[in-house]
Amino acid sequence: MLSKSVKELFKSLGVDFYALELDVIEGGDKLQQAMGKKAGRRTVPQVFIEGQHIGGCDDTMAVHKSGKLNALLKL
């Protein structure tokens, strides 16, 4: 599961994060549509840091591997 990979990454970095579980919460489908408009994608996960769209799982992992994720997270 891609969302699980991102959650595990953030946990390993000691990052506090908030995950919206769109398949569990009421109105999740509407939130996913809104996210699609903002991010340009409806797939999950979509990662935002301080309102900046990072991307999905592969994008987030690539930013981490490049060393830029720590700076974005102010670690």
Protein backbone atom coordinates (compact mmCIF):
# COMPACT_ATOMS: atom_id res chain seq x y z
CA MET A 1 0.00 0.00 0.00
CA LEU A 2 1.51 3.31 -1.06
CA SER A 3 -0.11 5.35 1.71
CA LYS A 4 1.38 2.97 4.26
CA SER A 5 4.87 3.51 2.78
CA VAL A 6 4.60 7.27 3.19
CA LYS A 7 3.26 6.91 6.74
CA GLU A 8 6.14 4.58 7.62
CA LEU A 9 8.64 7.04 6.15
CA PHE A 10 7.27 9.92 8.20
CA LYS A 11 7.20 7.79 11.36
CA SER A 12 10.83 6.74 10.79
CA LEU A 13 11.77 10.41 10.49
CA GLY A 14 9.90 11.24 13.71
CA VAL A 15 7.52 13.53 11.84
CA ASP A 16 4.09 14.35 13.23
CA PHE A 17 1.61 14.15 10.38
CA TYR A 18 -2.10 14.14 9.80
CA ALA A 19 -3.58 11.63 7.38
CA LEU A 20 -7.06 11.96 5.98
CA GLU A 21 -8.34 8.45 5.35
CA LEU A 22 -10.65 9.29 2.46
CA ASP A 23 -12.15 5.82 2.31
CA VAL A 24 -13.19 6.01 5.97
CA ILE A 25 -14.38 9.57 6.59
CA GLU A 26 -17.76 10.94 5.65
CA GLY A 27 -17.49 13.04 2.50
CA GLY A 28 -14.17 11.47 1.57
CA ASP A 29 -15.21 11.26 -2.08
CA LYS A 30 -15.83 15.02 -2.18
CA LEU A 31 -12.48 15.69 -0.51
CA GLN A 32 -10.80 13.47 -3.09
CA GLN A 33 -12.43 15.47 -5.90
CA ALA A 34 -11.25 18.73 -4.32
CA MET A 35 -7.76 17.30 -3.89
CA GLY A 36 -7.81 16.37 -7.56
CA LYS A 37 -8.47 19.98 -8.47
CA LYS A 38 -5.73 21.32 -6.17
CA ALA A 39 -3.10 18.65 -6.82
CA GLY A 40 -4.05 17.68 -10.35
CA ARG A 41 -4.42 14.05 -9.26
CA ARG A 42 -7.07 12.06 -7.43
CA THR A 43 -4.85 9.14 -6.49
CA VAL A 44 -3.76 8.63 -2.91
CA PRO A 45 -1.63 9.38 -1.11
CA GLN A 46 -1.09 13.02 -1.96
CA VAL A 47 1.40 14.69 0.35
CA PHE A 48 1.27 18.36 1.30
CA ILE A 49 3.84 20.04 3.55
CA GLU A 50 2.95 23.49 4.84
CA GLY A 51 0.38 23.72 2.03
CA GLN A 52 2.93 22.85 -0.66
CA HIS A 53 1.99 19.86 -2.80
CA ILE A 54 4.82 17.32 -2.83
CA GLY A 55 3.06 14.64 -4.84
CA GLY A 56 2.21 11.00 -4.40
CA CYS A 57 4.18 8.16 -2.87
CA ASP A 58 6.81 7.93 -5.60
CA ASP A 59 7.27 11.71 -5.62
CA THR A 60 7.62 11.81 -1.83
CA MET A 61 10.16 8.98 -1.82
CA ALA A 62 12.15 10.69 -4.60
CA VAL A 63 12.23 13.97 -2.66
CA HIS A 64 13.40 12.02 0.39
CA LYS A 65 16.14 10.22 -1.56
CA SER A 66 17.32 13.54 -2.99
CA GLY A 67 17.77 14.88 0.55
CA LYS A 68 15.25 17.68 0.07
CA LEU A 69 12.50 16.22 2.26
CA ASN A 70 14.34 16.97 5.50
CA ALA A 71 14.62 20.62 4.52
CA LEU A 72 10.92 20.80 3.66
CA LEU A 73 10.10 19.21 7.02
CA LYS A 74 12.62 21.49 8.77
CA LEU A 75 14.45 18.52 10.30
